[in-house]
Amino acid sequence: MIQVFKQHQLVPDMAIVKCTHCEFIREIGNQHEGKRTKCPACQTLLYVQDTVAFVTDLSEEISQLREEVSQLKQNVRLTCDEATKTKSGYAFANLSSSPIFENYNAVIQWFKAKQIKAEPNNEAMDISGFFDEIAVELGDNYAILGEVCAKIKHAQHKYGKFTLNLAAHSQQNTQIITHFIKELYDCAFITRYTHDKTNKRVHVSLQTAPKITRFFDGDWLEWYVLMKVATLLVDKKVKFSCLRGFQVYFSNGDQHEIDLFFLINGTIPLWIECKSGEFRQFINKYSTLRKQLKLEKINSLLLVLGMPDEKVAGLTNTFDVTMVNENNFLTHIEKLSK
């Protein structure tokens, strides 16, 4: 190291010219330092600078820029983390049970008062598995994870596996997608996956268990709505009872399955049907059932996944049920529960 410095001392000190107009740069003898000259490339007037001073200033500027970039990254990361916490949080995360989903007698009695028998489905209310966690993660990030869900739904009935191309996704969205697929694997919702980072592809092998197949066929949306509505009411400290996936029997022999039913504050009924695919042929059925249940239109929701807001309003005005989508159903329910 000492020898290097000794050799360097033999080299004459140099000055530098750098044009701010055309970016021309060259070292020259230090006897010209401080003088004014014209850029040999574009003739812009410039000053000859000491090379060491120039590099020192440039180094300080780079260090400052690095600090600013680092701070910006930290701010973005904190903002994203906070947004994820706000969006993904729900009252029953990581719980294996809750009295809220076991105390549905008020719903049974509400139907009984109308001479309708309600038969609970305890399995549909069991939160001891991972269905609620996966559903909330999927629903809260559906704009990004919808493609994954659609590929699973399509492939599980034909091929048993699929490949997802991540090339068109941003780094942030890629992280959300790959994290979700890892969660699916950790919970055994898929049997295998490999992430080819070089070619930006994820290869997924699917789980064939009937419960998992039904989940991606549409059960996940019911789980999502159940968890989000229940969380909204818990956060507002509103008393309620609820049932999911249960049968109702009318005195005339008619029988129907109800996706979700809430009884808020013991008096306000809320019926929700969830559709992740075709819904048009069900509109008249639900309009008729609403009248049989003697429910107001505002208390009877048909949630259609991915329906544009303008269609939601138009179809609500056209038919005898209230149409909502995954983005506005909580807003409607919040108004209803005041």
C-alpha atoms as a PDB file:
ATOM      1  CA  MET A   1       0.000   0.000   0.000  1.00  0.00           C
ATOM      2  CA  ILE A   2       2.880   2.392   0.853  1.00  0.00           C
ATOM      3  CA  GLN A   3       4.605   1.650  -2.426  1.00  0.00           C
ATOM      4  CA  VAL A   4       1.392   2.512  -4.306  1.00  0.00           C
ATOM      5  CA  PHE A   5       1.192   5.945  -2.706  1.00  0.00           C
ATOM      6  CA  LYS A   6       4.872   6.593  -3.443  1.00  0.00           C
ATOM      7  CA  GLN A   7       4.286   5.790  -7.092  1.00  0.00           C
ATOM      8  CA  HIS A   8       1.202   8.015  -7.152  1.00  0.00           C
ATOM      9  CA  GLN A   9       3.219  10.942  -5.821  1.00  0.00           C
ATOM     10  CA  LEU A  10       5.325  10.883  -8.976  1.00  0.00           C
ATOM     11  CA  VAL A  11       2.258  11.657 -11.117  1.00  0.00           C
ATOM     12  CA  PRO A  12       1.654  15.431 -11.571  1.00  0.00           C
ATOM     13  CA  ASP A  13      -1.521  16.869 -10.000  1.00  0.00           C
ATOM     14  CA  MET A  14      -4.364  17.112 -12.488  1.00  0.00           C
ATOM     15  CA  ALA A  15      -7.335  19.391 -13.055  1.00  0.00           C
ATOM     16  CA  ILE A  16     -10.611  18.508 -14.728  1.00  0.00           C
ATOM     17  CA  VAL A  17     -13.079  20.073 -17.137  1.00  0.00           C
ATOM     18  CA  LYS A  18     -16.698  18.899 -17.142  1.00  0.00           C
ATOM     19  CA  CYS A  19     -19.350  20.471 -19.329  1.00  0.00           C
ATOM     20  CA  THR A  20     -22.795  20.768 -17.719  1.00  0.00           C
ATOM     21  CA  HIS A  21     -24.354  21.154 -21.157  1.00  0.00           C
ATOM     22  CA  CYS A  22     -23.065  18.179 -23.183  1.00  0.00           C
ATOM     23  CA  GLU A  23     -21.436  16.149 -20.341  1.00  0.00           C
ATOM     24  CA  PHE A  24     -17.972  16.308 -21.961  1.00  0.00           C
ATOM     25  CA  ILE A  25     -15.294  15.474 -19.333  1.00  0.00           C
ATOM     26  CA  ARG A  26     -11.488  15.299 -19.460  1.00  0.00           C
ATOM     27  CA  GLU A  27      -8.459  15.674 -17.170  1.00  0.00           C
ATOM     28  CA  ILE A  28      -5.841  18.323 -18.036  1.00  0.00           C
ATOM     29  CA  GLY A  29      -2.769  19.784 -16.388  1.00  0.00           C
ATOM     30  CA  ASN A  30      -3.326  21.548 -13.038  1.00  0.00           C
ATOM     31  CA  GLN A  31      -1.674  24.719 -14.302  1.00  0.00           C
ATOM     32  CA  HIS A  32      -5.051  25.550 -15.908  1.00  0.00           C
ATOM     33  CA  GLU A  33      -6.987  25.212 -12.625  1.00  0.00           C
ATOM     34  CA  GLY A  34      -9.385  28.119 -11.996  1.00  0.00           C
ATOM     35  CA  LYS A  35      -9.237  29.375 -15.564  1.00  0.00           C
ATOM     36  CA  ARG A  36     -12.172  29.771 -17.902  1.00  0.00           C
ATOM     37  CA  THR A  37     -12.250  27.883 -21.173  1.00  0.00           C
ATOM     38  CA  LYS A  38     -14.656  26.708 -23.816  1.00  0.00           C
ATOM     39  CA  CYS A  39     -15.909  23.130 -24.048  1.00  0.00           C
ATOM     40  CA  PRO A  40     -14.161  21.570 -27.072  1.00  0.00           C
ATOM     41  CA  ALA A  41     -17.372  19.690 -27.912  1.00  0.00           C
ATOM     42  CA  CYS A  42     -20.119  22.349 -27.697  1.00  0.00           C
ATOM     43  CA  GLN A  43     -18.220  25.620 -26.998  1.00  0.00           C
ATOM     44  CA  THR A  44     -20.058  26.214 -23.692  1.00  0.00           C
ATOM     45  CA  LEU A  45     -18.028  28.431 -21.339  1.00  0.00           C
ATOM     46  CA  LEU A  46     -16.814  26.498 -18.254  1.00  0.00           C
ATOM     47  CA  TYR A  47     -14.250  26.529 -15.416  1.00  0.00           C
ATOM     48  CA  VAL A  48     -11.288  24.208 -14.964  1.00  0.00           C
ATOM     49  CA  GLN A  49     -11.615  22.478 -11.562  1.00  0.00           C
ATOM     50  CA  ASP A  50      -9.232  20.665  -9.235  1.00  0.00           C
ATOM     51  CA  THR A  51      -9.795  16.923  -9.759  1.00  0.00           C
ATOM     52  CA  VAL A  52      -9.603  15.976  -6.069  1.00  0.00           C
ATOM     53  CA  ALA A  53     -12.082  18.718  -5.086  1.00  0.00           C
ATOM     54  CA  PHE A  54     -14.407  17.701  -7.919  1.00  0.00           C
ATOM     55  CA  VAL A  55     -14.369  14.002  -6.933  1.00  0.00           C
ATOM     56  CA  THR A  56     -14.829  14.899  -3.242  1.00  0.00           C
ATOM     57  CA  ASP A  57     -17.908  17.016  -4.016  1.00  0.00           C
ATOM     58  CA  LEU A  58     -19.264  14.298  -6.283  1.00  0.00           C
ATOM     59  CA  SER A  59     -18.714  11.647  -3.616  1.00  0.00           C
ATOM     60  CA  GLU A  60     -20.548  13.739  -1.003  1.00  0.00           C
ATOM     61  CA  GLU A  61     -23.433  14.284  -3.412  1.00  0.00           C
ATOM     62  CA  ILE A  62     -23.681  10.528  -4.114  1.00  0.00           C
ATOM     63  CA  SER A  63     -23.657   9.761  -0.371  1.00  0.00           C
ATOM     64  CA  GLN A  64     -26.455  12.260   0.205  1.00  0.00           C
ATOM     65  CA  LEU A  65     -28.495  10.786  -2.632  1.00  0.00           C
ATOM     66  CA  ARG A  66     -27.994   7.286  -1.214  1.00  0.00           C
ATOM     67  CA  GLU A  67     -29.273   8.444   2.168  1.00  0.00           C
ATOM     68  CA  GLU A  68     -32.316  10.050   0.534  1.00  0.00           C
ATOM     69  CA  VAL A  69     -33.064   6.895  -1.486  1.00  0.00           C
ATOM     70  CA  SER A  70     -32.669   4.753   1.642  1.00  0.00           C
ATOM     71  CA  GLN A  71     -35.077   6.994   3.562  1.00  0.00           C
ATOM     72  CA  LEU A  72     -37.597   6.918   0.719  1.00  0.00           C
ATOM     73  CA  LYS A  73     -37.446   3.112   0.635  1.00  0.00           C
ATOM     74  CA  GLN A  74     -37.967   3.011   4.399  1.00  0.00           C
ATOM     75  CA  ASN A  75     -40.970   5.359   4.157  1.00  0.00           C
ATOM     76  CA  VAL A  76     -42.503   3.294   1.338  1.00  0.00           C
ATOM     77  CA  ARG A  77     -41.943   0.082   3.291  1.00  0.00           C
ATOM     78  CA  LEU A  78     -43.560   1.527   6.422  1.00  0.00           C
ATOM     79  CA  THR A  79     -46.488   2.851   4.377  1.00  0.00           C
ATOM     80  CA  CYS A  80     -47.017  -0.528   2.675  1.00  0.00           C
ATOM     81  CA  ASP A  81     -46.727  -2.381   5.984  1.00  0.00           C
ATOM     82  CA  GLU A  82     -49.251  -0.058   7.622  1.00  0.00           C
ATOM     83  CA  ALA A  83     -51.639  -0.373   4.673  1.00  0.00           C
ATOM     84  CA  THR A  84     -51.355  -4.161   4.800  1.00  0.00           C
ATOM     85  CA  LYS A  85     -52.034  -4.206   8.543  1.00  0.00           C
ATOM     86  CA  THR A  86     -55.078  -1.971   8.127  1.00  0.00           C
ATOM     87  CA  LYS A  87     -56.475  -3.894   5.186  1.00  0.00           C
ATOM     88  CA  SER A  88     -55.656  -7.453   6.200  1.00  0.00           C
ATOM     89  CA  GLY A  89     -56.497  -7.235   9.883  1.00  0.00           C
ATOM     90  CA  TYR A  90     -59.650  -8.925  11.092  1.00  0.00           C
ATOM     91  CA  ALA A  91     -60.982  -9.703  14.521  1.00  0.00           C
ATOM     92  CA  PHE A  92     -60.603 -13.487  14.320  1.00  0.00           C
ATOM     93  CA  ALA A  93     -57.091 -13.810  12.898  1.00  0.00           C
ATOM     94  CA  ASN A  94     -55.238 -16.834  14.325  1.00  0.00           C
ATOM     95  CA  LEU A  95     -58.205 -17.854  16.476  1.00  0.00           C
ATOM     96  CA  SER A  96     -59.284 -21.502  16.431  1.00  0.00           C
ATOM     97  CA  SER A  97     -62.735 -20.714  17.820  1.00  0.00           C
ATOM     98  CA  SER A  98     -65.002 -17.843  18.848  1.00  0.00           C
ATOM     99  CA  PRO A  99     -68.250 -17.738  20.855  1.00  0.00           C
ATOM    100  CA  ILE A 100     -69.626 -15.352  18.227  1.00  0.00           C
ATOM    101  CA  PHE A 101     -69.917 -18.160  15.683  1.00  0.00           C
ATOM    102  CA  GLU A 102     -71.404 -20.600  18.216  1.00  0.00           C
ATOM    103  CA  ASN A 103     -74.136 -18.297  19.534  1.00  0.00           C
ATOM    104  CA  TYR A 104     -76.604 -18.364  16.620  1.00  0.00           C
ATOM    105  CA  ASN A 105     -79.791 -19.088  18.558  1.00  0.00           C
ATOM    106  CA  ALA A 106     -81.143 -15.589  17.912  1.00  0.00           C
ATOM    107  CA  VAL A 107     -81.051 -16.295  14.162  1.00  0.00           C
ATOM    108  CA  ILE A 108     -82.905 -19.589  14.670  1.00  0.00           C
ATOM    109  CA  GLN A 109     -85.573 -17.810  16.700  1.00  0.00           C
ATOM    110  CA  TRP A 110     -85.939 -15.049  14.099  1.00  0.00           C
ATOM    111  CA  PHE A 111     -86.798 -17.617  11.439  1.00  0.00           C
ATOM    112  CA  LYS A 112     -89.022 -19.559  13.856  1.00  0.00           C
ATOM    113  CA  ALA A 113     -91.111 -16.436  14.478  1.00  0.00           C
ATOM    114  CA  LYS A 114     -91.871 -16.453  10.742  1.00  0.00           C
ATOM    115  CA  GLN A 115     -92.826 -20.152  10.776  1.00  0.00           C
ATOM    116  CA  ILE A 116     -89.571 -21.053   9.007  1.00  0.00           C
ATOM    117  CA  LYS A 117     -87.268 -23.780  10.257  1.00  0.00           C
ATOM    118  CA  ALA A 118     -83.546 -22.952  10.116  1.00  0.00           C
ATOM    119  CA  GLU A 119     -81.135 -25.882  10.287  1.00  0.00           C
ATOM    120  CA  PRO A 120     -77.603 -24.773  11.274  1.00  0.00           C
ATOM    121  CA  ASN A 121     -74.466 -26.087   9.572  1.00  0.00           C
ATOM    122  CA  ASN A 122     -71.839 -26.183  12.313  1.00  0.00           C
ATOM    123  CA  GLU A 123     -69.088 -27.196   9.900  1.00  0.00           C
ATOM    124  CA  ALA A 124     -69.652 -24.021   7.874  1.00  0.00           C
ATOM    125  CA  MET A 125     -69.050 -21.926  11.018  1.00  0.00           C
ATOM    126  CA  ASP A 126     -65.920 -23.781  12.194  1.00  0.00           C
ATOM    127  CA  ILE A 127     -62.938 -21.396  12.122  1.00  0.00           C
ATOM    128  CA  SER A 128     -60.435 -23.909  13.537  1.00  0.00           C
ATOM    129  CA  GLY A 129     -58.933 -24.494  10.071  1.00  0.00           C
ATOM    130  CA  PHE A 130     -57.192 -22.056   7.743  1.00  0.00           C
ATOM    131  CA  PHE A 131     -60.148 -21.223   5.504  1.00  0.00           C
ATOM    132  CA  ASP A 132     -60.834 -17.862   7.131  1.00  0.00           C
ATOM    133  CA  GLU A 133     -57.177 -16.720   7.083  1.00  0.00           C
ATOM    134  CA  ILE A 134     -56.652 -17.644   3.431  1.00  0.00           C
ATOM    135  CA  ALA A 135     -60.011 -16.134   2.432  1.00  0.00           C
ATOM    136  CA  VAL A 136     -59.228 -12.787   4.079  1.00  0.00           C
ATOM    137  CA  GLU A 137     -55.784 -12.599   2.486  1.00  0.00           C
ATOM    138  CA  LEU A 138     -57.279 -13.435  -0.908  1.00  0.00           C
ATOM    139  CA  GLY A 139     -60.218 -11.050  -0.574  1.00  0.00           C
ATOM    140  CA  ASP A 140     -58.221  -8.114   0.780  1.00  0.00           C
ATOM    141  CA  ASN A 141     -55.783  -8.419  -2.136  1.00  0.00           C
ATOM    142  CA  TYR A 142     -58.184  -9.681  -4.791  1.00  0.00           C
ATOM    143  CA  ALA A 143     -57.155  -7.044  -7.338  1.00  0.00           C
ATOM    144  CA  ILE A 144     -53.719  -8.702  -7.333  1.00  0.00           C
ATOM    145  CA  LEU A 145     -54.509 -12.310  -6.322  1.00  0.00           C
ATOM    146  CA  GLY A 146     -57.634 -12.725  -8.453  1.00  0.00           C
ATOM    147  CA  GLU A 147     -55.510 -14.137 -11.295  1.00  0.00           C
ATOM    148  CA  VAL A 148     -54.104 -16.808  -8.970  1.00  0.00           C
ATOM    149  CA  CYS A 149     -57.591 -17.755  -7.770  1.00  0.00           C
ATOM    150  CA  ALA A 150     -58.930 -17.943 -11.337  1.00  0.00           C
ATOM    151  CA  LYS A 151     -56.062 -20.193 -12.445  1.00  0.00           C
ATOM    152  CA  ILE A 152     -56.597 -22.520  -9.481  1.00  0.00           C
ATOM    153  CA  LYS A 153     -60.346 -22.693 -10.101  1.00  0.00           C
ATOM    154  CA  HIS A 154     -59.800 -23.526 -13.782  1.00  0.00           C
ATOM    155  CA  ALA A 155     -56.914 -25.966 -13.325  1.00  0.00           C
ATOM    156  CA  GLN A 156     -58.301 -27.995 -10.421  1.00  0.00           C
ATOM    157  CA  HIS A 157     -61.061 -29.422 -12.627  1.00  0.00           C
ATOM    158  CA  LYS A 158     -58.774 -30.266 -15.566  1.00  0.00           C
ATOM    159  CA  TYR A 159     -55.022 -30.319 -15.196  1.00  0.00           C
ATOM    160  CA  GLY A 160     -54.216 -30.365 -11.480  1.00  0.00           C
ATOM    161  CA  LYS A 161     -51.423 -27.820 -11.960  1.00  0.00           C
ATOM    162  CA  PHE A 162     -50.691 -24.494 -13.618  1.00  0.00           C
ATOM    163  CA  THR A 163     -47.919 -21.986 -14.348  1.00  0.00           C
ATOM    164  CA  LEU A 164     -48.205 -18.321 -13.452  1.00  0.00           C
ATOM    165  CA  ASN A 165     -46.170 -15.793 -15.453  1.00  0.00           C
ATOM    166  CA  LEU A 166     -44.990 -12.954 -13.195  1.00  0.00           C
ATOM    167  CA  ALA A 167     -43.144 -10.957 -15.868  1.00  0.00           C
ATOM    168  CA  ALA A 168     -45.894  -8.345 -16.203  1.00  0.00           C
ATOM    169  CA  HIS A 169     -46.218  -7.785 -12.431  1.00  0.00           C
ATOM    170  CA  SER A 170     -44.414  -5.130 -10.390  1.00  0.00           C
ATOM    171  CA  GLN A 171     -41.955  -6.200  -7.702  1.00  0.00           C
ATOM    172  CA  GLN A 172     -44.447  -5.346  -4.969  1.00  0.00           C
ATOM    173  CA  ASN A 173     -47.252  -7.337  -6.596  1.00  0.00           C
ATOM    174  CA  THR A 174     -44.876 -10.232  -7.226  1.00  0.00           C
ATOM    175  CA  GLN A 175     -44.048 -10.301  -3.521  1.00  0.00           C
ATOM    176  CA  ILE A 176     -47.754 -10.377  -2.614  1.00  0.00           C
ATOM    177  CA  ILE A 177     -48.412 -13.204  -5.085  1.00  0.00           C
ATOM    178  CA  THR A 178     -45.448 -15.356  -4.064  1.00  0.00           C
ATOM    179  CA  HIS A 179     -46.193 -14.804  -0.363  1.00  0.00           C
ATOM    180  CA  PHE A 180     -49.791 -15.928  -0.929  1.00  0.00           C
ATOM    181  CA  ILE A 181     -48.684 -19.054  -2.812  1.00  0.00           C
ATOM    182  CA  LYS A 182     -46.283 -19.878   0.013  1.00  0.00           C
ATOM    183  CA  GLU A 183     -49.165 -19.481   2.478  1.00  0.00           C
ATOM    184  CA  LEU A 184     -51.248 -21.876   0.386  1.00  0.00           C
ATOM    185  CA  TYR A 185     -48.408 -24.393   0.491  1.00  0.00           C
ATOM    186  CA  ASP A 186     -47.820 -23.988   4.244  1.00  0.00           C
ATOM    187  CA  CYS A 187     -51.536 -24.632   4.856  1.00  0.00           C
ATOM    188  CA  ALA A 188     -51.564 -27.575   2.365  1.00  0.00           C
ATOM    189  CA  PHE A 189     -54.037 -25.797   0.063  1.00  0.00           C
ATOM    190  CA  ILE A 190     -51.597 -26.708  -2.721  1.00  0.00           C
ATOM    191  CA  THR A 191     -49.251 -29.715  -2.762  1.00  0.00           C
ATOM    192  CA  ARG A 192     -46.164 -28.223  -4.408  1.00  0.00           C
ATOM    193  CA  TYR A 193     -44.768 -25.069  -5.967  1.00  0.00           C
ATOM    194  CA  THR A 194     -41.503 -23.876  -7.477  1.00  0.00           C
ATOM    195  CA  HIS A 195     -40.523 -20.265  -8.122  1.00  0.00           C
ATOM    196  CA  ASP A 196     -38.375 -19.847 -11.224  1.00  0.00           C
ATOM    197  CA  LYS A 197     -36.948 -16.379 -10.506  1.00  0.00           C
ATOM    198  CA  THR A 198     -34.863 -16.295 -13.685  1.00  0.00           C
ATOM    199  CA  ASN A 199     -37.850 -16.730 -15.995  1.00  0.00           C
ATOM    200  CA  LYS A 200     -40.278 -15.065 -13.550  1.00  0.00           C
ATOM    201  CA  ARG A 201     -42.658 -18.001 -13.338  1.00  0.00           C
ATOM    202  CA  VAL A 202     -44.299 -19.974 -10.544  1.00  0.00           C
ATOM    203  CA  HIS A 203     -45.278 -23.614 -11.116  1.00  0.00           C
ATOM    204  CA  VAL A 204     -48.062 -24.871  -8.827  1.00  0.00           C
ATOM    205  CA  SER A 205     -49.460 -28.371  -8.189  1.00  0.00           C
ATOM    206  CA  LEU A 206     -52.956 -28.393  -6.709  1.00  0.00           C
ATOM    207  CA  GLN A 207     -54.601 -30.076  -3.747  1.00  0.00           C
ATOM    208  CA  THR A 208     -57.417 -32.490  -4.695  1.00  0.00           C
ATOM    209  CA  ALA A 209     -59.241 -32.613  -1.330  1.00  0.00           C
ATOM    210  CA  PRO A 210     -62.944 -31.785  -1.922  1.00  0.00           C
ATOM    211  CA  LYS A 211     -62.988 -29.040   0.748  1.00  0.00           C
ATOM    212  CA  ILE A 212     -60.134 -27.222  -0.959  1.00  0.00           C
ATOM    213  CA  THR A 213     -61.747 -27.586  -4.374  1.00  0.00           C
ATOM    214  CA  ARG A 214     -65.022 -26.137  -3.048  1.00  0.00           C
ATOM    215  CA  PHE A 215     -63.094 -23.324  -1.374  1.00  0.00           C
ATOM    216  CA  PHE A 216     -61.635 -22.063  -4.650  1.00  0.00           C
ATOM    217  CA  ASP A 217     -64.880 -22.752  -6.511  1.00  0.00           C
ATOM    218  CA  GLY A 218     -66.484 -20.003  -4.425  1.00  0.00           C
ATOM    219  CA  ASP A 219     -66.643 -20.955  -0.739  1.00  0.00           C
ATOM    220  CA  TRP A 220     -63.755 -18.574  -0.083  1.00  0.00           C
ATOM    221  CA  LEU A 221     -65.973 -15.597  -0.861  1.00  0.00           C
ATOM    222  CA  GLU A 222     -68.516 -16.638   1.785  1.00  0.00           C
ATOM    223  CA  TRP A 223     -65.684 -17.033   4.307  1.00  0.00           C
ATOM    224  CA  TYR A 224     -64.337 -13.622   3.366  1.00  0.00           C
ATOM    225  CA  VAL A 225     -67.678 -11.843   3.722  1.00  0.00           C
ATOM    226  CA  LEU A 226     -68.417 -13.638   7.005  1.00  0.00           C
ATOM    227  CA  MET A 227     -65.087 -12.582   8.503  1.00  0.00           C
ATOM    228  CA  LYS A 228     -65.217  -8.982   7.275  1.00  0.00           C
ATOM    229  CA  VAL A 229     -68.820  -8.315   8.300  1.00  0.00           C
ATOM    230  CA  ALA A 230     -68.294  -9.928  11.707  1.00  0.00           C
ATOM    231  CA  THR A 231     -65.117  -7.880  12.186  1.00  0.00           C
ATOM    232  CA  LEU A 232     -66.928  -4.666  11.246  1.00  0.00           C
ATOM    233  CA  LEU A 233     -69.636  -5.345  13.840  1.00  0.00           C
ATOM    234  CA  VAL A 234     -67.112  -6.374  16.511  1.00  0.00           C
ATOM    235  CA  ASP A 235     -65.090  -3.199  15.919  1.00  0.00           C
ATOM    236  CA  LYS A 236     -68.262  -1.109  16.205  1.00  0.00           C
ATOM    237  CA  LYS A 237     -69.180  -3.011  19.392  1.00  0.00           C
ATOM    238  CA  VAL A 238     -72.510  -4.035  17.873  1.00  0.00           C
ATOM    239  CA  LYS A 239     -74.203  -7.182  19.161  1.00  0.00           C
ATOM    240  CA  PHE A 240     -75.117  -9.752  16.523  1.00  0.00           C
ATOM    241  CA  SER A 241     -75.704 -13.414  15.741  1.00  0.00           C
ATOM    242  CA  CYS A 242     -74.909 -15.093  12.439  1.00  0.00           C
ATOM    243  CA  LEU A 243     -75.132 -18.313  10.440  1.00  0.00           C
ATOM    244  CA  ARG A 244     -73.441 -19.481   7.258  1.00  0.00           C
ATOM    245  CA  GLY A 245     -74.331 -22.174   4.712  1.00  0.00           C
ATOM    246  CA  PHE A 246     -77.531 -23.348   6.392  1.00  0.00           C
ATOM    247  CA  GLN A 247     -80.881 -24.694   5.197  1.00  0.00           C
ATOM    248  CA  VAL A 248     -84.302 -23.101   5.686  1.00  0.00           C
ATOM    249  CA  TYR A 249     -87.592 -24.996   5.393  1.00  0.00           C
ATOM    250  CA  PHE A 250     -90.922 -23.303   4.702  1.00  0.00           C
ATOM    251  CA  SER A 251     -94.312 -24.618   5.772  1.00  0.00           C
ATOM    252  CA  ASN A 252     -95.318 -25.122   2.124  1.00  0.00           C
ATOM    253  CA  GLY A 253     -92.419 -27.556   1.614  1.00  0.00           C
ATOM    254  CA  ASP A 254     -90.004 -25.128  -0.065  1.00  0.00           C
ATOM    255  CA  GLN A 255     -86.365 -25.529   0.922  1.00  0.00           C
ATOM    256  CA  HIS A 256     -83.450 -23.164   0.310  1.00  0.00           C
ATOM    257  CA  GLU A 257     -79.805 -22.800   1.289  1.00  0.00           C
ATOM    258  CA  ILE A 258     -78.764 -19.444   2.734  1.00  0.00           C
ATOM    259  CA  ASP A 259     -75.168 -18.302   2.297  1.00  0.00           C
ATOM    260  CA  LEU A 260     -75.004 -15.798   5.158  1.00  0.00           C
ATOM    261  CA  PHE A 261     -77.485 -14.345   7.617  1.00  0.00           C
ATOM    262  CA  PHE A 262     -76.813 -11.814  10.392  1.00  0.00           C
ATOM    263  CA  LEU A 263     -79.195 -10.554  13.055  1.00  0.00           C
ATOM    264  CA  ILE A 264     -77.858  -7.200  14.229  1.00  0.00           C
ATOM    265  CA  ASN A 265     -78.792  -5.838  17.664  1.00  0.00           C
ATOM    266  CA  GLY A 266     -81.439  -8.543  17.847  1.00  0.00           C
ATOM    267  CA  THR A 267     -83.736  -6.701  15.424  1.00  0.00           C
ATOM    268  CA  ILE A 268     -82.019  -5.890  12.102  1.00  0.00           C
ATOM    269  CA  PRO A 269     -81.841  -8.849   9.692  1.00  0.00           C
ATOM    270  CA  LEU A 270     -79.120  -8.991   7.025  1.00  0.00           C
ATOM    271  CA  TRP A 271     -79.177 -11.660   4.315  1.00  0.00           C
ATOM    272  CA  ILE A 272     -76.183 -11.988   1.949  1.00  0.00           C
ATOM    273  CA  GLU A 273     -75.768 -14.273  -1.059  1.00  0.00           C
ATOM    274  CA  CYS A 274     -72.302 -14.495  -2.627  1.00  0.00           C
ATOM    275  CA  LYS A 275     -71.515 -15.203  -6.279  1.00  0.00           C
ATOM    276  CA  SER A 276     -67.978 -15.445  -7.666  1.00  0.00           C
ATOM    277  CA  GLY A 277     -69.197 -16.446 -11.135  1.00  0.00           C
ATOM    278  CA  GLU A 278     -72.426 -16.302 -13.130  1.00  0.00           C
ATOM    279  CA  PHE A 279     -75.242 -14.671 -11.171  1.00  0.00           C
ATOM    280  CA  ARG A 280     -77.950 -13.598 -13.619  1.00  0.00           C
ATOM    281  CA  GLN A 281     -80.054 -16.745 -13.390  1.00  0.00           C
ATOM    282  CA  PHE A 282     -80.234 -16.347  -9.595  1.00  0.00           C
ATOM    283  CA  ILE A 283     -81.629 -12.803  -9.481  1.00  0.00           C
ATOM    284  CA  ASN A 284     -85.274 -13.795  -9.797  1.00  0.00           C
ATOM    285  CA  LYS A 285     -84.813 -16.680  -7.347  1.00  0.00           C
ATOM    286  CA  TYR A 286     -83.419 -14.357  -4.682  1.00  0.00           C
ATOM    287  CA  SER A 287     -86.050 -11.698  -5.381  1.00  0.00           C
ATOM    288  CA  THR A 288     -88.758 -14.298  -4.763  1.00  0.00           C
ATOM    289  CA  LEU A 289     -87.023 -15.656  -1.665  1.00  0.00           C
ATOM    290  CA  ARG A 290     -86.690 -12.144  -0.263  1.00  0.00           C
ATOM    291  CA  LYS A 291     -90.461 -11.773  -0.385  1.00  0.00           C
ATOM    292  CA  GLN A 292     -90.933 -15.176   1.270  1.00  0.00           C
ATOM    293  CA  LEU A 293     -88.606 -14.100   4.059  1.00  0.00           C
ATOM    294  CA  LYS A 294     -90.483 -10.776   4.322  1.00  0.00           C
ATOM    295  CA  LEU A 295     -87.247  -8.822   4.145  1.00  0.00           C
ATOM    296  CA  GLU A 296     -86.775  -5.260   2.958  1.00  0.00           C
ATOM    297  CA  LYS A 297     -84.686  -4.823  -0.167  1.00  0.00           C
ATOM    298  CA  ILE A 298     -82.043  -2.884   1.758  1.00  0.00           C
ATOM    299  CA  ASN A 299     -81.548  -5.907   4.056  1.00  0.00           C
ATOM    300  CA  SER A 300     -81.102  -8.382   1.172  1.00  0.00           C
ATOM    301  CA  LEU A 301     -77.728  -8.323  -0.599  1.00  0.00           C
ATOM    302  CA  LEU A 302     -76.470 -10.170  -3.656  1.00  0.00           C
ATOM    303  CA  LEU A 303     -72.687  -9.764  -3.679  1.00  0.00           C
ATOM    304  CA  VAL A 304     -71.198 -10.361  -7.125  1.00  0.00           C
ATOM    305  CA  LEU A 305     -67.416 -10.561  -7.266  1.00  0.00           C
ATOM    306  CA  GLY A 306     -65.806  -8.205  -9.747  1.00  0.00           C
ATOM    307  CA  MET A 307     -68.989  -6.384 -10.755  1.00  0.00           C
ATOM    308  CA  PRO A 308     -68.254  -2.760 -11.811  1.00  0.00           C
ATOM    309  CA  ASP A 309     -69.738  -0.065  -9.557  1.00  0.00           C
ATOM    310  CA  GLU A 310     -71.927   1.386 -12.308  1.00  0.00           C
ATOM    311  CA  LYS A 311     -73.528  -2.026 -12.897  1.00  0.00           C
ATOM    312  CA  VAL A 312     -74.101  -2.458  -9.168  1.00  0.00           C
ATOM    313  CA  ALA A 313     -76.208   0.704  -9.080  1.00  0.00           C
ATOM    314  CA  GLY A 314     -78.022  -0.106 -12.316  1.00  0.00           C
ATOM    315  CA  LEU A 315     -78.969  -3.664 -11.365  1.00  0.00           C
ATOM    316  CA  THR A 316     -80.053  -2.579  -7.894  1.00  0.00           C
ATOM    317  CA  ASN A 317     -82.474  -0.125  -9.475  1.00  0.00           C
ATOM    318  CA  THR A 318     -83.708  -2.803 -11.880  1.00  0.00           C
ATOM    319  CA  PHE A 319     -84.337  -5.767  -9.568  1.00  0.00           C
ATOM    320  CA  ASP A 320     -85.796  -6.495  -6.131  1.00  0.00           C
ATOM    321  CA  VAL A 321     -82.501  -7.211  -4.361  1.00  0.00           C
ATOM    322  CA  THR A 322     -79.608  -4.914  -3.449  1.00  0.00           C
ATOM    323  CA  MET A 323     -76.531  -5.594  -5.578  1.00  0.00           C
ATOM    324  CA  VAL A 324     -73.074  -5.057  -4.066  1.00  0.00           C
ATOM    325  CA  ASN A 325     -69.500  -6.003  -4.910  1.00  0.00           C
ATOM    326  CA  GLU A 326     -66.397  -6.848  -2.882  1.00  0.00           C
ATOM    327  CA  ASN A 327     -65.422  -3.171  -2.679  1.00  0.00           C
ATOM    328  CA  ASN A 328     -68.636  -1.604  -1.364  1.00  0.00           C
ATOM    329  CA  PHE A 329     -70.511  -4.256   0.642  1.00  0.00           C
ATOM    330  CA  LEU A 330     -69.023  -3.153   3.973  1.00  0.00           C
ATOM    331  CA  THR A 331     -69.985   0.468   3.333  1.00  0.00           C
ATOM    332  CA  HIS A 332     -73.599  -0.588   2.770  1.00  0.00           C
ATOM    333  CA  ILE A 333     -73.627  -2.744   5.915  1.00  0.00           C
ATOM    334  CA  GLU A 334     -72.035   0.005   8.015  1.00  0.00           C
ATOM    335  CA  LYS A 335     -74.909   2.319   7.121  1.00  0.00           C
ATOM    336  CA  LEU A 336     -77.410  -0.434   7.874  1.00  0.00           C
ATOM    337  CA  SER A 337     -75.957  -1.173  11.316  1.00  0.00           C
ATOM    338  CA  LYS A 338     -75.962   2.435  12.603  1.00  0.00           C
END
